[in-house]
Amino acid sequence: METLGLLTGVYSVILVISPCPSNYVTWYKNCYRLVSEPKTWEEAEAACVKEGGHLASVDMSYDQAFISGAIQQGNTDAWIGLRRKADGDTYQWSDGWPVFYTHWGPGEPTNHKGEGCVSMHGRSHFIQGTWNDTACEVTKPYLCKITFGNHLCNNQ
């Protein structure tokens, strides 16, 4: 009868727990989710707030690159959290972050009457990743952003 030796070893398992809800992607202290169901800007912002966040704000160029890449996963433009203020001359982020960075497409913002909400061009557009002011009542996919520690699902 032959006896087989048994090799035993110690294996370490590293469990990485994301601070984001399961349907979000983590990027630099934030959680992002591209939602393909089209909504108006207001409806999209309300849906993001319900999940503990806001429509995505773009703080710097590296955020622009990441967010543009996320939106390119879809086939069309998507809402971000920038909107013209009531004074009609300036813009603000829905999460209250100051507007330090912009990435407008050529000739944008046009500030046409009725246009005041901002979307990012998707990959179907030749100037993908650039921003466009458009009518807030148009329905589009949207990108939610939750900052770590600010969402309702902290203990997931």
C-alpha atoms as a PDB file:
ATOM      1  CA  MET A   1       0.000   0.000   0.000  1.00  0.00           C
ATOM      2  CA  GLU A   2       1.316   3.431  -0.915  1.00  0.00           C
ATOM      3  CA  THR A   3       0.970   6.419   1.371  1.00  0.00           C
ATOM      4  CA  LEU A   4       0.551   9.921  -0.014  1.00  0.00           C
ATOM      5  CA  GLY A   5       2.097  12.805   1.872  1.00  0.00           C
ATOM      6  CA  LEU A   6      -0.037  15.805   2.543  1.00  0.00           C
ATOM      7  CA  LEU A   7       1.409  19.256   1.925  1.00  0.00           C
ATOM      8  CA  THR A   8      -0.033  21.856   4.186  1.00  0.00           C
ATOM      9  CA  GLY A   9       0.605  25.531   3.993  1.00  0.00           C
ATOM     10  CA  VAL A  10      -0.619  28.789   5.288  1.00  0.00           C
ATOM     11  CA  TYR A  11      -2.458  30.981   2.849  1.00  0.00           C
ATOM     12  CA  SER A  12      -3.387  34.548   3.533  1.00  0.00           C
ATOM     13  CA  VAL A  13      -6.604  35.828   2.148  1.00  0.00           C
ATOM     14  CA  ILE A  14      -6.902  39.560   1.801  1.00  0.00           C
ATOM     15  CA  LEU A  15     -10.455  40.742   1.704  1.00  0.00           C
ATOM     16  CA  VAL A  16     -10.863  44.198   0.234  1.00  0.00           C
ATOM     17  CA  ILE A  17     -14.087  45.812   1.226  1.00  0.00           C
ATOM     18  CA  SER A  18     -15.204  48.687  -0.943  1.00  0.00           C
ATOM     19  CA  PRO A  19     -16.719  51.664   0.838  1.00  0.00           C
ATOM     20  CA  CYS A  20     -19.166  51.911  -2.086  1.00  0.00           C
ATOM     21  CA  PRO A  21     -22.538  50.257  -2.605  1.00  0.00           C
ATOM     22  CA  SER A  22     -22.282  47.083  -4.701  1.00  0.00           C
ATOM     23  CA  ASN A  23     -23.423  48.656  -7.978  1.00  0.00           C
ATOM     24  CA  TYR A  24     -20.880  51.517  -7.787  1.00  0.00           C
ATOM     25  CA  VAL A  25     -17.241  51.792  -8.884  1.00  0.00           C
ATOM     26  CA  THR A  26     -14.636  53.269  -6.545  1.00  0.00           C
ATOM     27  CA  TRP A  27     -12.426  56.124  -7.739  1.00  0.00           C
ATOM     28  CA  TYR A  28     -10.359  58.447  -5.518  1.00  0.00           C
ATOM     29  CA  LYS A  29     -12.540  58.677  -2.407  1.00  0.00           C
ATOM     30  CA  ASN A  30     -15.751  58.586  -4.434  1.00  0.00           C
ATOM     31  CA  CYS A  31     -18.227  56.033  -5.730  1.00  0.00           C
ATOM     32  CA  TYR A  32     -19.658  56.309  -9.254  1.00  0.00           C
ATOM     33  CA  ARG A  33     -22.522  54.649 -11.068  1.00  0.00           C
ATOM     34  CA  LEU A  34     -23.623  55.163 -14.669  1.00  0.00           C
ATOM     35  CA  VAL A  35     -27.386  54.718 -14.865  1.00  0.00           C
ATOM     36  CA  SER A  36     -28.669  53.908 -18.345  1.00  0.00           C
ATOM     37  CA  GLU A  37     -32.355  54.619 -17.617  1.00  0.00           C
ATOM     38  CA  PRO A  38     -32.975  58.091 -19.113  1.00  0.00           C
ATOM     39  CA  LYS A  39     -34.291  60.793 -16.792  1.00  0.00           C
ATOM     40  CA  THR A  40     -34.555  64.571 -16.863  1.00  0.00           C
ATOM     41  CA  TRP A  41     -31.761  66.402 -15.024  1.00  0.00           C
ATOM     42  CA  GLU A  42     -34.024  67.011 -11.998  1.00  0.00           C
ATOM     43  CA  GLU A  43     -35.201  63.374 -11.885  1.00  0.00           C
ATOM     44  CA  ALA A  44     -31.616  62.133 -12.222  1.00  0.00           C
ATOM     45  CA  GLU A  45     -30.405  64.382  -9.403  1.00  0.00           C
ATOM     46  CA  ALA A  46     -33.291  63.212  -7.185  1.00  0.00           C
ATOM     47  CA  ALA A  47     -32.418  59.552  -7.921  1.00  0.00           C
ATOM     48  CA  CYS A  48     -28.770  60.161  -6.988  1.00  0.00           C
ATOM     49  CA  VAL A  49     -29.764  61.999  -3.787  1.00  0.00           C
ATOM     50  CA  LYS A  50     -32.012  59.063  -2.838  1.00  0.00           C
ATOM     51  CA  GLU A  51     -28.912  56.847  -2.969  1.00  0.00           C
ATOM     52  CA  GLY A  52     -26.913  59.255  -0.796  1.00  0.00           C
ATOM     53  CA  GLY A  53     -25.110  61.220  -3.510  1.00  0.00           C
ATOM     54  CA  HIS A  54     -25.574  63.699  -6.336  1.00  0.00           C
ATOM     55  CA  LEU A  55     -25.053  63.846 -10.059  1.00  0.00           C
ATOM     56  CA  ALA A  56     -21.298  63.686 -10.628  1.00  0.00           C
ATOM     57  CA  SER A  57     -19.191  66.789 -10.129  1.00  0.00           C
ATOM     58  CA  VAL A  58     -15.843  67.111 -11.870  1.00  0.00           C
ATOM     59  CA  ASP A  59     -13.226  68.620  -9.584  1.00  0.00           C
ATOM     60  CA  MET A  60     -10.061  68.313 -11.673  1.00  0.00           C
ATOM     61  CA  SER A  61      -8.703  66.955 -14.940  1.00  0.00           C
ATOM     62  CA  TYR A  62      -8.059  63.472 -13.547  1.00  0.00           C
ATOM     63  CA  ASP A  63     -11.711  63.283 -12.474  1.00  0.00           C
ATOM     64  CA  GLN A  64     -12.677  64.405 -15.988  1.00  0.00           C
ATOM     65  CA  ALA A  65     -10.641  61.552 -17.494  1.00  0.00           C
ATOM     66  CA  PHE A  66     -12.202  58.941 -15.198  1.00  0.00           C
ATOM     67  CA  ILE A  67     -15.763  60.240 -15.579  1.00  0.00           C
ATOM     68  CA  SER A  68     -15.404  60.558 -19.340  1.00  0.00           C
ATOM     69  CA  GLY A  69     -14.238  56.943 -19.462  1.00  0.00           C
ATOM     70  CA  ALA A  70     -17.240  55.870 -17.398  1.00  0.00           C
ATOM     71  CA  ILE A  71     -19.676  57.712 -19.662  1.00  0.00           C
ATOM     72  CA  GLN A  72     -18.009  56.231 -22.758  1.00  0.00           C
ATOM     73  CA  GLN A  73     -19.267  52.841 -21.515  1.00  0.00           C
ATOM     74  CA  GLY A  74     -22.699  53.980 -22.631  1.00  0.00           C
ATOM     75  CA  ASN A  75     -23.619  54.942 -26.172  1.00  0.00           C
ATOM     76  CA  THR A  76     -24.906  58.433 -25.569  1.00  0.00           C
ATOM     77  CA  ASP A  77     -24.524  61.653 -23.601  1.00  0.00           C
ATOM     78  CA  ALA A  78     -25.155  61.542 -19.855  1.00  0.00           C
ATOM     79  CA  TRP A  79     -26.082  64.124 -17.243  1.00  0.00           C
ATOM     80  CA  ILE A  80     -23.454  65.420 -14.841  1.00  0.00           C
ATOM     81  CA  GLY A  81     -24.172  67.632 -11.836  1.00  0.00           C
ATOM     82  CA  LEU A  82     -23.478  71.044 -13.331  1.00  0.00           C
ATOM     83  CA  ARG A  83     -26.356  73.480 -13.760  1.00  0.00           C
ATOM     84  CA  ARG A  84     -26.685  77.177 -14.536  1.00  0.00           C
ATOM     85  CA  LYS A  85     -27.641  79.325 -11.575  1.00  0.00           C
ATOM     86  CA  ALA A  86     -30.818  81.394 -11.598  1.00  0.00           C
ATOM     87  CA  ASP A  87     -28.744  84.528 -12.371  1.00  0.00           C
ATOM     88  CA  GLY A  88     -28.088  82.971 -15.786  1.00  0.00           C
ATOM     89  CA  ASP A  89     -24.393  83.837 -15.857  1.00  0.00           C
ATOM     90  CA  THR A  90     -22.702  81.240 -13.664  1.00  0.00           C
ATOM     91  CA  TYR A  91     -22.879  77.494 -13.029  1.00  0.00           C
ATOM     92  CA  GLN A  92     -22.909  75.427  -9.852  1.00  0.00           C
ATOM     93  CA  TRP A  93     -22.452  71.756  -8.975  1.00  0.00           C
ATOM     94  CA  SER A  94     -25.449  70.005  -7.428  1.00  0.00           C
ATOM     95  CA  ASP A  95     -23.238  68.742  -4.565  1.00  0.00           C
ATOM     96  CA  GLY A  96     -22.176  72.294  -3.674  1.00  0.00           C
ATOM     97  CA  TRP A  97     -18.567  71.846  -4.826  1.00  0.00           C
ATOM     98  CA  PRO A  98     -17.019  75.041  -6.299  1.00  0.00           C
ATOM     99  CA  VAL A  99     -16.590  75.165 -10.073  1.00  0.00           C
ATOM    100  CA  PHE A 100     -12.778  75.088 -10.447  1.00  0.00           C
ATOM    101  CA  TYR A 101     -12.607  73.060 -13.633  1.00  0.00           C
ATOM    102  CA  THR A 102     -14.641  72.915 -16.863  1.00  0.00           C
ATOM    103  CA  HIS A 103     -14.333  70.953 -20.096  1.00  0.00           C
ATOM    104  CA  TRP A 104     -16.799  72.604 -22.485  1.00  0.00           C
ATOM    105  CA  GLY A 105     -17.102  71.441 -26.060  1.00  0.00           C
ATOM    106  CA  PRO A 106     -16.347  73.883 -28.889  1.00  0.00           C
ATOM    107  CA  GLY A 107     -18.718  76.883 -28.732  1.00  0.00           C
ATOM    108  CA  GLU A 108     -20.159  75.776 -25.384  1.00  0.00           C
ATOM    109  CA  PRO A 109     -21.855  76.814 -23.288  1.00  0.00           C
ATOM    110  CA  THR A 110     -24.221  78.376 -25.791  1.00  0.00           C
ATOM    111  CA  ASN A 111     -26.560  79.626 -23.053  1.00  0.00           C
ATOM    112  CA  HIS A 112     -29.533  79.353 -25.387  1.00  0.00           C
ATOM    113  CA  LYS A 113     -32.877  80.018 -23.776  1.00  0.00           C
ATOM    114  CA  GLY A 114     -34.049  76.880 -21.995  1.00  0.00           C
ATOM    115  CA  GLU A 115     -30.579  75.366 -21.819  1.00  0.00           C
ATOM    116  CA  GLY A 116     -29.098  75.292 -18.354  1.00  0.00           C
ATOM    117  CA  CYS A 117     -28.238  71.714 -17.428  1.00  0.00           C
ATOM    118  CA  VAL A 118     -24.986  70.074 -18.453  1.00  0.00           C
ATOM    119  CA  SER A 119     -24.328  66.699 -20.012  1.00  0.00           C
ATOM    120  CA  MET A 120     -21.097  65.060 -21.084  1.00  0.00           C
ATOM    121  CA  HIS A 121     -20.834  63.826 -24.656  1.00  0.00           C
ATOM    122  CA  GLY A 122     -20.723  60.058 -24.971  1.00  0.00           C
ATOM    123  CA  ARG A 123     -18.733  57.993 -27.440  1.00  0.00           C
ATOM    124  CA  SER A 124     -21.356  58.447 -30.159  1.00  0.00           C
ATOM    125  CA  HIS A 125     -20.258  62.078 -30.471  1.00  0.00           C
ATOM    126  CA  PHE A 126     -17.068  63.138 -32.267  1.00  0.00           C
ATOM    127  CA  ILE A 127     -16.038  65.343 -29.334  1.00  0.00           C
ATOM    128  CA  GLN A 128     -16.661  62.710 -26.688  1.00  0.00           C
ATOM    129  CA  GLY A 129     -16.079  63.700 -23.081  1.00  0.00           C
ATOM    130  CA  THR A 130     -16.737  67.393 -23.626  1.00  0.00           C
ATOM    131  CA  TRP A 131     -19.571  69.228 -21.933  1.00  0.00           C
ATOM    132  CA  ASN A 132     -22.740  70.660 -23.444  1.00  0.00           C
ATOM    133  CA  ASP A 133     -25.407  72.883 -21.929  1.00  0.00           C
ATOM    134  CA  THR A 134     -28.805  71.559 -22.892  1.00  0.00           C
ATOM    135  CA  ALA A 135     -32.474  71.671 -21.921  1.00  0.00           C
ATOM    136  CA  CYS A 136     -33.023  70.206 -18.462  1.00  0.00           C
ATOM    137  CA  GLU A 137     -36.255  68.485 -19.578  1.00  0.00           C
ATOM    138  CA  VAL A 138     -34.458  66.199 -22.055  1.00  0.00           C
ATOM    139  CA  THR A 139     -34.114  62.649 -20.757  1.00  0.00           C
ATOM    140  CA  LYS A 140     -30.618  61.153 -20.677  1.00  0.00           C
ATOM    141  CA  PRO A 141     -28.642  58.502 -18.809  1.00  0.00           C
ATOM    142  CA  TYR A 142     -26.795  59.969 -15.830  1.00  0.00           C
ATOM    143  CA  LEU A 143     -23.770  59.495 -13.592  1.00  0.00           C
ATOM    144  CA  CYS A 144     -24.222  59.447  -9.813  1.00  0.00           C
ATOM    145  CA  LYS A 145     -21.368  60.220  -7.430  1.00  0.00           C
ATOM    146  CA  ILE A 146     -21.245  59.376  -3.730  1.00  0.00           C
ATOM    147  CA  THR A 147     -18.379  60.693  -1.608  1.00  0.00           C
ATOM    148  CA  PHE A 148     -17.021  58.185   0.945  1.00  0.00           C
ATOM    149  CA  GLY A 149     -18.814  58.548   4.239  1.00  0.00           C
ATOM    150  CA  ASN A 150     -21.779  60.392   2.724  1.00  0.00           C
ATOM    151  CA  HIS A 151     -23.887  57.508   1.456  1.00  0.00           C
ATOM    152  CA  LEU A 152     -26.669  55.664   3.193  1.00  0.00           C
ATOM    153  CA  CYS A 153     -24.958  52.290   2.845  1.00  0.00           C
ATOM    154  CA  ASN A 154     -21.811  52.890   4.948  1.00  0.00           C
ATOM    155  CA  ASN A 155     -22.035  49.521   6.629  1.00  0.00           C
ATOM    156  CA  GLN A 156     -22.273  47.363   3.535  1.00  0.00           C
END
